[in-house]
Amino acid sequence: MAAAALPPLPEQFRSLQHHLRTGQELDKREPVVAYYCRLYAMQTGMKLDSKTPECRKFLSKLMDQLETMKKQLGDNEAITQEIVGCAHVENYALKMFLYADNEDRAGRFHKNMIKSFYTASLLIDVLSVFGELTEENVQHRKYARWKAAYIHNCLKNGETPQPGPIGMDEEDYDAESEDASSSALPTQVSRPSSSTYDANVPTSNYTGIHIPPGAHAPANTPAEVPHSTGVTSNTIQPTPQNIPAVDPSLYNAQSAGEVRLTPEDFARAQKYCKYAGSALQYEDVSTAVQNLQKALKLLTTGRE
């Protein structure tokens, strides 16, 4: 889905350049995610500076892009219903995260997985257009952003990274140099703001990080991850899926007469069903089953 060119990126918006570039890269293969990347940039840009002439011009052109994309995607539920859109973006971010995490734990370090970690962190930023991030997403964003920096710096210095979760130190990942081969976003700045990379994440230990349900590389990964890994023999094969056991009490589940469901309960059940449907788009059966079980339990017991 082609989008009209944007004017040069103002200095005030340089922290948004990688979100916008990610949107450009996903225009054809994931237009819904590309739309929300631009929406995030639009909303954040309005907060940063909506008064200076160059910023107003940039935001106006970006708004035109969003309106055009919304018309082209008008019949897509992920655009017309926020809960579906949120599930779609979150599942895509999780897909990128899990691909990179599996490569990392297998000791396969390359530019493709580094960029996948970093892109996952950017897409978690984008989830904020739907509301406040969950603590789990905040932790995944910190971990993914740090992992990208850590592995990048190890490879740059000729060192072998340590696989998997380890003690987290402050790192600085120069994604600008890694993106040299990708489609360029017109910009007036040569280097992203350090705030883009969350370099001031507090030192922590990530040996106990929680990887979401379905922690395996989905069958169609890495079709949407960046090009040119620099590795000639790293073909990723689908990983066998571990399907969670179904709670036996749910086989004959019937709603008890005294159960009173609130509007919030119905909204949560709908959210779980949407998440399950979105997970199936990526052949992630485990996550789909778990979300469907949560929805069924909530509807039949009034509890999660």
C-alpha atoms as a PDB file:
ATOM      1  CA  MET A   1       0.000   0.000   0.000  1.00  0.00           C
ATOM      2  CA  ALA A   2       1.839   3.069  -1.243  1.00  0.00           C
ATOM      3  CA  ALA A   3       1.742   6.210   0.842  1.00  0.00           C
ATOM      4  CA  ALA A   4       2.495   9.770  -0.235  1.00  0.00           C
ATOM      5  CA  ALA A   5       5.966  10.975   0.680  1.00  0.00           C
ATOM      6  CA  LEU A   6       6.404  12.914   3.897  1.00  0.00           C
ATOM      7  CA  PRO A   7       8.388  16.144   4.179  1.00  0.00           C
ATOM      8  CA  PRO A   8      11.742  16.070   6.020  1.00  0.00           C
ATOM      9  CA  LEU A   9      11.422  14.932   9.616  1.00  0.00           C
ATOM     10  CA  PRO A  10      11.720  17.884  12.009  1.00  0.00           C
ATOM     11  CA  GLU A  11      14.356  17.767  14.722  1.00  0.00           C
ATOM     12  CA  GLN A  12      11.598  17.737  17.361  1.00  0.00           C
ATOM     13  CA  PHE A  13      10.293  14.420  16.003  1.00  0.00           C
ATOM     14  CA  ARG A  14      13.539  12.518  15.618  1.00  0.00           C
ATOM     15  CA  SER A  15      12.545  10.089  18.384  1.00  0.00           C
ATOM     16  CA  LEU A  16       9.759   8.919  16.051  1.00  0.00           C
ATOM     17  CA  GLN A  17      11.831   8.178  12.963  1.00  0.00           C
ATOM     18  CA  HIS A  18      12.149   4.433  13.588  1.00  0.00           C
ATOM     19  CA  HIS A  19       8.441   4.033  14.251  1.00  0.00           C
ATOM     20  CA  LEU A  20       7.772   5.769  10.939  1.00  0.00           C
ATOM     21  CA  ARG A  21      10.384   3.709   9.129  1.00  0.00           C
ATOM     22  CA  THR A  22       8.852   0.528  10.532  1.00  0.00           C
ATOM     23  CA  GLY A  23       5.524   1.700   9.137  1.00  0.00           C
ATOM     24  CA  GLN A  24       7.108   2.189   5.714  1.00  0.00           C
ATOM     25  CA  GLU A  25       8.664  -1.274   5.780  1.00  0.00           C
ATOM     26  CA  LEU A  26       5.330  -2.896   6.662  1.00  0.00           C
ATOM     27  CA  ASP A  27       3.158  -0.971   4.173  1.00  0.00           C
ATOM     28  CA  LYS A  28       2.723  -3.919   1.811  1.00  0.00           C
ATOM     29  CA  ARG A  29       2.878  -7.001   4.026  1.00  0.00           C
ATOM     30  CA  GLU A  30       1.237  -5.656   7.226  1.00  0.00           C
ATOM     31  CA  PRO A  31      -0.744  -2.520   6.313  1.00  0.00           C
ATOM     32  CA  VAL A  32      -2.751  -2.585   9.571  1.00  0.00           C
ATOM     33  CA  VAL A  33       0.424  -2.485  11.671  1.00  0.00           C
ATOM     34  CA  ALA A  34       1.845   0.175   9.337  1.00  0.00           C
ATOM     35  CA  TYR A  35      -1.281   2.290   9.913  1.00  0.00           C
ATOM     36  CA  TYR A  36      -0.960   2.123  13.687  1.00  0.00           C
ATOM     37  CA  CYS A  37       2.773   2.938  13.525  1.00  0.00           C
ATOM     38  CA  ARG A  38       1.841   6.187  11.794  1.00  0.00           C
ATOM     39  CA  LEU A  39      -1.032   6.811  14.202  1.00  0.00           C
ATOM     40  CA  TYR A  40       1.388   6.454  17.115  1.00  0.00           C
ATOM     41  CA  ALA A  41       3.772   8.916  15.450  1.00  0.00           C
ATOM     42  CA  MET A  42       0.885  11.319  14.834  1.00  0.00           C
ATOM     43  CA  GLN A  43      -0.397  11.231  18.415  1.00  0.00           C
ATOM     44  CA  THR A  44       3.085  11.483  19.912  1.00  0.00           C
ATOM     45  CA  GLY A  45       4.107  14.251  17.505  1.00  0.00           C
ATOM     46  CA  MET A  46       1.058  16.304  18.499  1.00  0.00           C
ATOM     47  CA  LYS A  47       2.230  16.113  22.106  1.00  0.00           C
ATOM     48  CA  LEU A  48       5.826  16.991  21.243  1.00  0.00           C
ATOM     49  CA  ASP A  49       5.229  20.030  19.036  1.00  0.00           C
ATOM     50  CA  SER A  50       2.152  21.000  17.046  1.00  0.00           C
ATOM     51  CA  LYS A  51       2.865  24.730  16.757  1.00  0.00           C
ATOM     52  CA  THR A  52       6.111  25.346  14.880  1.00  0.00           C
ATOM     53  CA  PRO A  53       5.651  25.612  11.077  1.00  0.00           C
ATOM     54  CA  GLU A  54       7.821  22.627  10.125  1.00  0.00           C
ATOM     55  CA  CYS A  55       6.113  20.390  12.683  1.00  0.00           C
ATOM     56  CA  ARG A  56       2.641  21.488  11.621  1.00  0.00           C
ATOM     57  CA  LYS A  57       3.503  20.799   7.986  1.00  0.00           C
ATOM     58  CA  PHE A  58       4.847  17.352   8.807  1.00  0.00           C
ATOM     59  CA  LEU A  59       1.834  16.431  10.968  1.00  0.00           C
ATOM     60  CA  SER A  60      -0.551  17.658   8.277  1.00  0.00           C
ATOM     61  CA  LYS A  61       1.052  15.396   5.659  1.00  0.00           C
ATOM     62  CA  LEU A  62       1.110  12.495   8.110  1.00  0.00           C
ATOM     63  CA  MET A  63      -2.592  13.032   8.809  1.00  0.00           C
ATOM     64  CA  ASP A  64      -3.259  12.908   5.056  1.00  0.00           C
ATOM     65  CA  GLN A  65      -1.441   9.544   4.930  1.00  0.00           C
ATOM     66  CA  LEU A  66      -3.557   8.222   7.794  1.00  0.00           C
ATOM     67  CA  GLU A  67      -6.815   9.330   6.186  1.00  0.00           C
ATOM     68  CA  THR A  68      -5.845   7.705   2.888  1.00  0.00           C
ATOM     69  CA  MET A  69      -4.863   4.450   4.584  1.00  0.00           C
ATOM     70  CA  LYS A  70      -8.036   4.412   6.670  1.00  0.00           C
ATOM     71  CA  LYS A  71     -10.157   4.653   3.515  1.00  0.00           C
ATOM     72  CA  GLN A  72      -8.182   1.857   1.864  1.00  0.00           C
ATOM     73  CA  LEU A  73      -8.512  -0.339   4.967  1.00  0.00           C
ATOM     74  CA  GLY A  74     -12.036   0.783   5.790  1.00  0.00           C
ATOM     75  CA  ASP A  75     -13.590  -2.695   5.789  1.00  0.00           C
ATOM     76  CA  ASN A  76     -10.881  -4.188   8.018  1.00  0.00           C
ATOM     77  CA  GLU A  77     -12.069  -4.907  11.577  1.00  0.00           C
ATOM     78  CA  ALA A  78      -8.581  -4.174  12.892  1.00  0.00           C
ATOM     79  CA  ILE A  79      -9.152  -0.558  11.818  1.00  0.00           C
ATOM     80  CA  THR A  80     -12.832  -0.161  12.689  1.00  0.00           C
ATOM     81  CA  GLN A  81     -12.613  -1.905  16.100  1.00  0.00           C
ATOM     82  CA  GLU A  82      -9.878  -0.890  18.497  1.00  0.00           C
ATOM     83  CA  ILE A  83      -9.935  -4.175  20.407  1.00  0.00           C
ATOM     84  CA  VAL A  84      -9.222  -6.090  17.197  1.00  0.00           C
ATOM     85  CA  GLY A  85      -6.547  -3.605  16.161  1.00  0.00           C
ATOM     86  CA  CYS A  86      -4.848  -3.890  19.548  1.00  0.00           C
ATOM     87  CA  ALA A  87      -4.846  -7.689  19.334  1.00  0.00           C
ATOM     88  CA  HIS A  88      -3.452  -7.555  15.788  1.00  0.00           C
ATOM     89  CA  VAL A  89      -0.552  -5.231  16.649  1.00  0.00           C
ATOM     90  CA  GLU A  90       0.203  -7.048  19.915  1.00  0.00           C
ATOM     91  CA  ASN A  91       0.324 -10.434  18.198  1.00  0.00           C
ATOM     92  CA  TYR A  92       2.618  -9.102  15.490  1.00  0.00           C
ATOM     93  CA  ALA A  93       4.940  -7.573  18.103  1.00  0.00           C
ATOM     94  CA  LEU A  94       4.910 -10.889  19.970  1.00  0.00           C
ATOM     95  CA  LYS A  95       5.702 -12.722  16.752  1.00  0.00           C
ATOM     96  CA  MET A  96       8.788 -10.552  16.204  1.00  0.00           C
ATOM     97  CA  PHE A  97       9.819 -10.916  19.848  1.00  0.00           C
ATOM     98  CA  LEU A  98       9.487 -14.709  19.867  1.00  0.00           C
ATOM     99  CA  TYR A  99      11.391 -15.127  16.614  1.00  0.00           C
ATOM    100  CA  ALA A 100      14.296 -13.064  17.987  1.00  0.00           C
ATOM    101  CA  ASP A 101      14.114 -14.746  21.401  1.00  0.00           C
ATOM    102  CA  ASN A 102      14.287 -18.224  19.878  1.00  0.00           C
ATOM    103  CA  GLU A 103      17.229 -17.223  17.689  1.00  0.00           C
ATOM    104  CA  ASP A 104      18.947 -15.753  20.748  1.00  0.00           C
ATOM    105  CA  ARG A 105      18.409 -18.824  22.942  1.00  0.00           C
ATOM    106  CA  ALA A 106      19.669 -21.056  20.112  1.00  0.00           C
ATOM    107  CA  GLY A 107      22.848 -18.975  19.885  1.00  0.00           C
ATOM    108  CA  ARG A 108      22.134 -17.740  16.361  1.00  0.00           C
ATOM    109  CA  PHE A 109      23.203 -14.086  16.442  1.00  0.00           C
ATOM    110  CA  HIS A 110      22.742 -11.944  13.341  1.00  0.00           C
ATOM    111  CA  LYS A 111      21.403  -8.575  12.198  1.00  0.00           C
ATOM    112  CA  ASN A 112      17.987 -10.002  11.394  1.00  0.00           C
ATOM    113  CA  MET A 113      17.319 -11.091  14.968  1.00  0.00           C
ATOM    114  CA  ILE A 114      18.760  -7.863  16.382  1.00  0.00           C
ATOM    115  CA  LYS A 115      16.377  -5.821  14.277  1.00  0.00           C
ATOM    116  CA  SER A 116      13.501  -8.136  15.186  1.00  0.00           C
ATOM    117  CA  PHE A 117      14.125  -7.498  18.894  1.00  0.00           C
ATOM    118  CA  TYR A 118      14.248  -3.763  18.295  1.00  0.00           C
ATOM    119  CA  THR A 119      11.199  -3.715  16.024  1.00  0.00           C
ATOM    120  CA  ALA A 120       9.239  -5.625  18.674  1.00  0.00           C
ATOM    121  CA  SER A 121      10.089  -2.885  21.181  1.00  0.00           C
ATOM    122  CA  LEU A 122       8.904  -0.200  18.746  1.00  0.00           C
ATOM    123  CA  LEU A 123       5.608  -2.009  18.166  1.00  0.00           C
ATOM    124  CA  ILE A 124       5.040  -2.229  21.910  1.00  0.00           C
ATOM    125  CA  ASP A 125       5.418   1.565  21.927  1.00  0.00           C
ATOM    126  CA  VAL A 126       2.696   1.632  19.277  1.00  0.00           C
ATOM    127  CA  LEU A 127       0.331  -0.314  21.555  1.00  0.00           C
ATOM    128  CA  SER A 128       0.050   2.814  23.692  1.00  0.00           C
ATOM    129  CA  VAL A 129      -2.413   4.235  21.128  1.00  0.00           C
ATOM    130  CA  PHE A 130      -4.939   1.782  22.593  1.00  0.00           C
ATOM    131  CA  GLY A 131      -4.332   2.755  26.211  1.00  0.00           C
ATOM    132  CA  GLU A 132      -1.822   2.235  28.996  1.00  0.00           C
ATOM    133  CA  LEU A 133       0.656  -0.586  28.446  1.00  0.00           C
ATOM    134  CA  THR A 134       0.440  -3.644  30.651  1.00  0.00           C
ATOM    135  CA  GLU A 135       3.343  -4.318  32.990  1.00  0.00           C
ATOM    136  CA  GLU A 136       4.118  -7.427  30.941  1.00  0.00           C
ATOM    137  CA  ASN A 137       4.438  -5.381  27.751  1.00  0.00           C
ATOM    138  CA  VAL A 138       6.609  -2.806  29.531  1.00  0.00           C
ATOM    139  CA  GLN A 139       8.969  -5.589  30.629  1.00  0.00           C
ATOM    140  CA  HIS A 140       9.071  -7.123  27.151  1.00  0.00           C
ATOM    141  CA  ARG A 141       9.866  -3.720  25.643  1.00  0.00           C
ATOM    142  CA  LYS A 142      12.759  -3.147  28.045  1.00  0.00           C
ATOM    143  CA  TYR A 143      14.112  -6.637  27.495  1.00  0.00           C
ATOM    144  CA  ALA A 144      13.825  -6.509  23.692  1.00  0.00           C
ATOM    145  CA  ARG A 145      15.416  -3.071  23.464  1.00  0.00           C
ATOM    146  CA  TRP A 146      18.234  -4.067  25.757  1.00  0.00           C
ATOM    147  CA  LYS A 147      18.829  -7.377  23.967  1.00  0.00           C
ATOM    148  CA  ALA A 148      19.104  -5.562  20.626  1.00  0.00           C
ATOM    149  CA  ALA A 149      21.720  -3.212  22.078  1.00  0.00           C
ATOM    150  CA  TYR A 150      23.629  -5.935  23.920  1.00  0.00           C
ATOM    151  CA  ILE A 151      23.924  -8.321  20.942  1.00  0.00           C
ATOM    152  CA  HIS A 152      24.661  -5.489  18.511  1.00  0.00           C
ATOM    153  CA  ASN A 153      27.517  -4.206  20.666  1.00  0.00           C
ATOM    154  CA  CYS A 154      28.930  -7.695  21.214  1.00  0.00           C
ATOM    155  CA  LEU A 155      29.049  -8.421  17.491  1.00  0.00           C
ATOM    156  CA  LYS A 156      30.482  -4.976  16.751  1.00  0.00           C
ATOM    157  CA  ASN A 157      33.276  -5.606  19.263  1.00  0.00           C
ATOM    158  CA  GLY A 158      33.983  -9.139  18.028  1.00  0.00           C
ATOM    159  CA  GLU A 159      32.586 -10.737  21.185  1.00  0.00           C
ATOM    160  CA  THR A 160      30.219 -13.706  21.497  1.00  0.00           C
ATOM    161  CA  PRO A 161      26.929 -12.729  23.154  1.00  0.00           C
ATOM    162  CA  GLN A 162      25.560 -14.802  26.001  1.00  0.00           C
ATOM    163  CA  PRO A 163      22.255 -16.430  24.945  1.00  0.00           C
ATOM    164  CA  GLY A 164      18.997 -16.004  26.821  1.00  0.00           C
ATOM    165  CA  PRO A 165      18.078 -13.771  29.757  1.00  0.00           C
ATOM    166  CA  ILE A 166      21.088 -12.499  31.684  1.00  0.00           C
ATOM    167  CA  GLY A 167      21.886  -9.546  33.922  1.00  0.00           C
ATOM    168  CA  MET A 168      20.871  -6.389  32.058  1.00  0.00           C
ATOM    169  CA  ASP A 169      23.418  -3.583  31.740  1.00  0.00           C
ATOM    170  CA  GLU A 170      22.904  -0.248  30.066  1.00  0.00           C
ATOM    171  CA  GLU A 171      23.639  -0.414  26.352  1.00  0.00           C
ATOM    172  CA  ASP A 172      23.349   1.953  23.400  1.00  0.00           C
ATOM    173  CA  TYR A 173      22.147   0.446  20.133  1.00  0.00           C
ATOM    174  CA  ASP A 174      22.732   2.585  17.043  1.00  0.00           C
ATOM    175  CA  ALA A 175      19.802   1.409  14.952  1.00  0.00           C
ATOM    176  CA  GLU A 176      20.466   4.162  12.407  1.00  0.00           C
ATOM    177  CA  SER A 177      23.543   2.378  11.087  1.00  0.00           C
ATOM    178  CA  GLU A 178      21.685  -0.933  11.012  1.00  0.00           C
ATOM    179  CA  ASP A 179      18.921   0.556   8.873  1.00  0.00           C
ATOM    180  CA  ALA A 180      21.207   1.844   6.133  1.00  0.00           C
ATOM    181  CA  SER A 181      19.869  -0.718   3.658  1.00  0.00           C
ATOM    182  CA  SER A 182      16.192  -0.081   4.406  1.00  0.00           C
ATOM    183  CA  SER A 183      13.939   2.475   2.738  1.00  0.00           C
ATOM    184  CA  ALA A 184      15.003   5.895   3.895  1.00  0.00           C
ATOM    185  CA  LEU A 185      12.701   8.254   5.716  1.00  0.00           C
ATOM    186  CA  PRO A 186      13.391  11.887   4.762  1.00  0.00           C
ATOM    187  CA  THR A 187      15.008  13.405   7.795  1.00  0.00           C
ATOM    188  CA  GLN A 188      16.823  16.502   8.909  1.00  0.00           C
ATOM    189  CA  VAL A 189      18.702  14.621  11.612  1.00  0.00           C
ATOM    190  CA  SER A 190      21.496  12.142  11.170  1.00  0.00           C
ATOM    191  CA  ARG A 191      21.158  10.240  14.423  1.00  0.00           C
ATOM    192  CA  PRO A 192      18.169   9.240  16.558  1.00  0.00           C
ATOM    193  CA  SER A 193      17.636  10.646  19.992  1.00  0.00           C
ATOM    194  CA  SER A 194      18.910   8.507  22.842  1.00  0.00           C
ATOM    195  CA  SER A 195      15.369   8.561  24.164  1.00  0.00           C
ATOM    196  CA  THR A 196      14.414   6.331  21.242  1.00  0.00           C
ATOM    197  CA  TYR A 197      16.454   3.543  22.733  1.00  0.00           C
ATOM    198  CA  ASP A 198      15.527   3.892  26.384  1.00  0.00           C
ATOM    199  CA  ALA A 199      19.217   3.842  27.233  1.00  0.00           C
ATOM    200  CA  ASN A 200      18.481   4.781  30.822  1.00  0.00           C
ATOM    201  CA  VAL A 201      16.656   1.563  31.646  1.00  0.00           C
ATOM    202  CA  PRO A 202      17.699   0.672  35.208  1.00  0.00           C
ATOM    203  CA  THR A 203      20.149  -2.172  35.606  1.00  0.00           C
ATOM    204  CA  SER A 204      18.223  -5.310  36.390  1.00  0.00           C
ATOM    205  CA  ASN A 205      18.401  -9.073  36.182  1.00  0.00           C
ATOM    206  CA  TYR A 206      16.273 -10.703  33.505  1.00  0.00           C
ATOM    207  CA  THR A 207      16.884 -14.350  34.271  1.00  0.00           C
ATOM    208  CA  GLY A 208      13.258 -14.655  35.334  1.00  0.00           C
ATOM    209  CA  ILE A 209      11.619 -12.754  32.479  1.00  0.00           C
ATOM    210  CA  HIS A 210       8.175 -14.095  31.608  1.00  0.00           C
ATOM    211  CA  ILE A 211       7.867 -15.145  27.970  1.00  0.00           C
ATOM    212  CA  PRO A 212       4.206 -15.104  26.889  1.00  0.00           C
ATOM    213  CA  PRO A 213       2.209 -18.276  26.129  1.00  0.00           C
ATOM    214  CA  GLY A 214       3.123 -19.902  22.845  1.00  0.00           C
ATOM    215  CA  ALA A 215       6.828 -19.072  23.124  1.00  0.00           C
ATOM    216  CA  HIS A 216       7.873 -20.563  19.834  1.00  0.00           C
ATOM    217  CA  ALA A 217       8.589 -19.176  16.397  1.00  0.00           C
ATOM    218  CA  PRO A 218       5.250 -19.207  14.539  1.00  0.00           C
ATOM    219  CA  ALA A 219       5.151 -21.287  11.369  1.00  0.00           C
ATOM    220  CA  ASN A 220       5.270 -18.317   9.003  1.00  0.00           C
ATOM    221  CA  THR A 221       8.159 -16.582  10.757  1.00  0.00           C
ATOM    222  CA  PRO A 222      10.378 -14.911   9.611  1.00  0.00           C
ATOM    223  CA  ALA A 223       8.487 -13.847   6.468  1.00  0.00           C
ATOM    224  CA  GLU A 224       7.905 -10.336   7.810  1.00  0.00           C
ATOM    225  CA  VAL A 225      11.209  -9.695   9.532  1.00  0.00           C
ATOM    226  CA  PRO A 226      13.840  -7.420   7.934  1.00  0.00           C
ATOM    227  CA  HIS A 227      15.845  -8.467   4.924  1.00  0.00           C
ATOM    228  CA  SER A 228      19.507  -9.400   4.570  1.00  0.00           C
ATOM    229  CA  THR A 229      20.563 -11.197   7.714  1.00  0.00           C
ATOM    230  CA  GLY A 230      24.137 -11.642   6.595  1.00  0.00           C
ATOM    231  CA  VAL A 231      23.791 -15.341   7.476  1.00  0.00           C
ATOM    232  CA  THR A 232      23.724 -17.867   4.649  1.00  0.00           C
ATOM    233  CA  SER A 233      22.526 -21.012   6.405  1.00  0.00           C
ATOM    234  CA  ASN A 234      20.042 -19.831   8.997  1.00  0.00           C
ATOM    235  CA  THR A 235      16.796 -21.121   7.506  1.00  0.00           C
ATOM    236  CA  ILE A 236      14.226 -21.170  10.276  1.00  0.00           C
ATOM    237  CA  GLN A 237      12.101 -24.280  10.485  1.00  0.00           C
ATOM    238  CA  PRO A 238       8.684 -24.363  12.140  1.00  0.00           C
ATOM    239  CA  THR A 239       8.945 -25.380  15.766  1.00  0.00           C
ATOM    240  CA  PRO A 240       6.557 -28.071  17.098  1.00  0.00           C
ATOM    241  CA  GLN A 241       3.872 -26.444  19.194  1.00  0.00           C
ATOM    242  CA  ASN A 242       3.094 -27.397  22.747  1.00  0.00           C
ATOM    243  CA  ILE A 243      -0.679 -27.269  23.022  1.00  0.00           C
ATOM    244  CA  PRO A 244      -1.848 -26.491  26.574  1.00  0.00           C
ATOM    245  CA  ALA A 245      -4.075 -29.013  28.302  1.00  0.00           C
ATOM    246  CA  VAL A 246      -7.733 -28.079  28.288  1.00  0.00           C
ATOM    247  CA  ASP A 247      -9.322 -27.666  31.710  1.00  0.00           C
ATOM    248  CA  PRO A 248     -11.652 -30.728  32.013  1.00  0.00           C
ATOM    249  CA  SER A 249     -14.233 -28.627  33.864  1.00  0.00           C
ATOM    250  CA  LEU A 250     -14.763 -26.606  30.692  1.00  0.00           C
ATOM    251  CA  TYR A 251     -15.891 -29.545  28.562  1.00  0.00           C
ATOM    252  CA  ASN A 252     -19.431 -29.445  29.956  1.00  0.00           C
ATOM    253  CA  ALA A 253     -19.395 -25.826  31.024  1.00  0.00           C
ATOM    254  CA  GLN A 254     -22.802 -24.323  31.571  1.00  0.00           C
ATOM    255  CA  SER A 255     -23.503 -20.902  32.941  1.00  0.00           C
ATOM    256  CA  ALA A 256     -24.804 -21.025  36.491  1.00  0.00           C
ATOM    257  CA  GLY A 257     -28.064 -19.191  37.002  1.00  0.00           C
ATOM    258  CA  GLU A 258     -26.712 -16.924  39.698  1.00  0.00           C
ATOM    259  CA  VAL A 259     -23.749 -15.701  37.635  1.00  0.00           C
ATOM    260  CA  ARG A 260     -24.172 -12.031  36.793  1.00  0.00           C
ATOM    261  CA  LEU A 261     -21.825 -10.728  34.163  1.00  0.00           C
ATOM    262  CA  THR A 262     -20.978  -7.044  34.055  1.00  0.00           C
ATOM    263  CA  PRO A 263     -20.351  -5.065  30.862  1.00  0.00           C
ATOM    264  CA  GLU A 264     -16.655  -5.225  31.764  1.00  0.00           C
ATOM    265  CA  ASP A 265     -16.847  -9.043  31.884  1.00  0.00           C
ATOM    266  CA  PHE A 266     -18.367  -9.153  28.397  1.00  0.00           C
ATOM    267  CA  ALA A 267     -15.682  -6.767  27.122  1.00  0.00           C
ATOM    268  CA  ARG A 268     -12.904  -8.946  28.583  1.00  0.00           C
ATOM    269  CA  ALA A 269     -14.437 -12.107  27.117  1.00  0.00           C
ATOM    270  CA  GLN A 270     -14.646 -10.426  23.736  1.00  0.00           C
ATOM    271  CA  LYS A 271     -11.019  -9.353  24.071  1.00  0.00           C
ATOM    272  CA  TYR A 272      -9.914 -12.933  24.743  1.00  0.00           C
ATOM    273  CA  CYS A 273     -11.842 -14.177  21.693  1.00  0.00           C
ATOM    274  CA  LYS A 274     -10.298 -11.479  19.501  1.00  0.00           C
ATOM    275  CA  TYR A 275      -6.832 -12.342  20.799  1.00  0.00           C
ATOM    276  CA  ALA A 276      -7.473 -15.994  19.984  1.00  0.00           C
ATOM    277  CA  GLY A 277      -8.569 -15.142  16.452  1.00  0.00           C
ATOM    278  CA  SER A 278      -5.542 -12.937  15.908  1.00  0.00           C
ATOM    279  CA  ALA A 279      -3.212 -15.657  17.244  1.00  0.00           C
ATOM    280  CA  LEU A 280      -4.629 -18.116  14.714  1.00  0.00           C
ATOM    281  CA  GLN A 281      -3.606 -15.743  11.927  1.00  0.00           C
ATOM    282  CA  TYR A 282      -0.055 -16.632  12.926  1.00  0.00           C
ATOM    283  CA  GLU A 283      -0.844 -20.333  13.450  1.00  0.00           C
ATOM    284  CA  ASP A 284      -0.210 -19.886  17.168  1.00  0.00           C
ATOM    285  CA  VAL A 285      -2.550 -22.595  18.447  1.00  0.00           C
ATOM    286  CA  SER A 286      -1.268 -22.500  22.024  1.00  0.00           C
ATOM    287  CA  THR A 287      -2.082 -18.822  22.546  1.00  0.00           C
ATOM    288  CA  ALA A 288      -5.459 -19.253  20.833  1.00  0.00           C
ATOM    289  CA  VAL A 289      -6.441 -22.175  23.077  1.00  0.00           C
ATOM    290  CA  GLN A 290      -5.406 -20.363  26.248  1.00  0.00           C
ATOM    291  CA  ASN A 291      -7.387 -17.247  25.359  1.00  0.00           C
ATOM    292  CA  LEU A 292     -10.485 -19.243  24.427  1.00  0.00           C
ATOM    293  CA  GLN A 293     -10.304 -21.081  27.746  1.00  0.00           C
ATOM    294  CA  LYS A 294     -10.088 -17.769  29.591  1.00  0.00           C
ATOM    295  CA  ALA A 295     -13.137 -16.472  27.757  1.00  0.00           C
ATOM    296  CA  LEU A 296     -15.166 -19.626  28.435  1.00  0.00           C
ATOM    297  CA  LYS A 297     -14.254 -19.667  32.123  1.00  0.00           C
ATOM    298  CA  LEU A 298     -15.163 -16.017  32.516  1.00  0.00           C
ATOM    299  CA  LEU A 299     -18.527 -16.434  30.792  1.00  0.00           C
ATOM    300  CA  THR A 300     -19.503 -19.524  32.798  1.00  0.00           C
ATOM    301  CA  THR A 301     -18.199 -18.566  36.233  1.00  0.00           C
ATOM    302  CA  GLY A 302     -17.908 -14.813  36.225  1.00  0.00           C
ATOM    303  CA  ARG A 303     -14.264 -15.236  37.260  1.00  0.00           C
ATOM    304  CA  GLU A 304     -10.944 -15.301  35.453  1.00  0.00           C
END
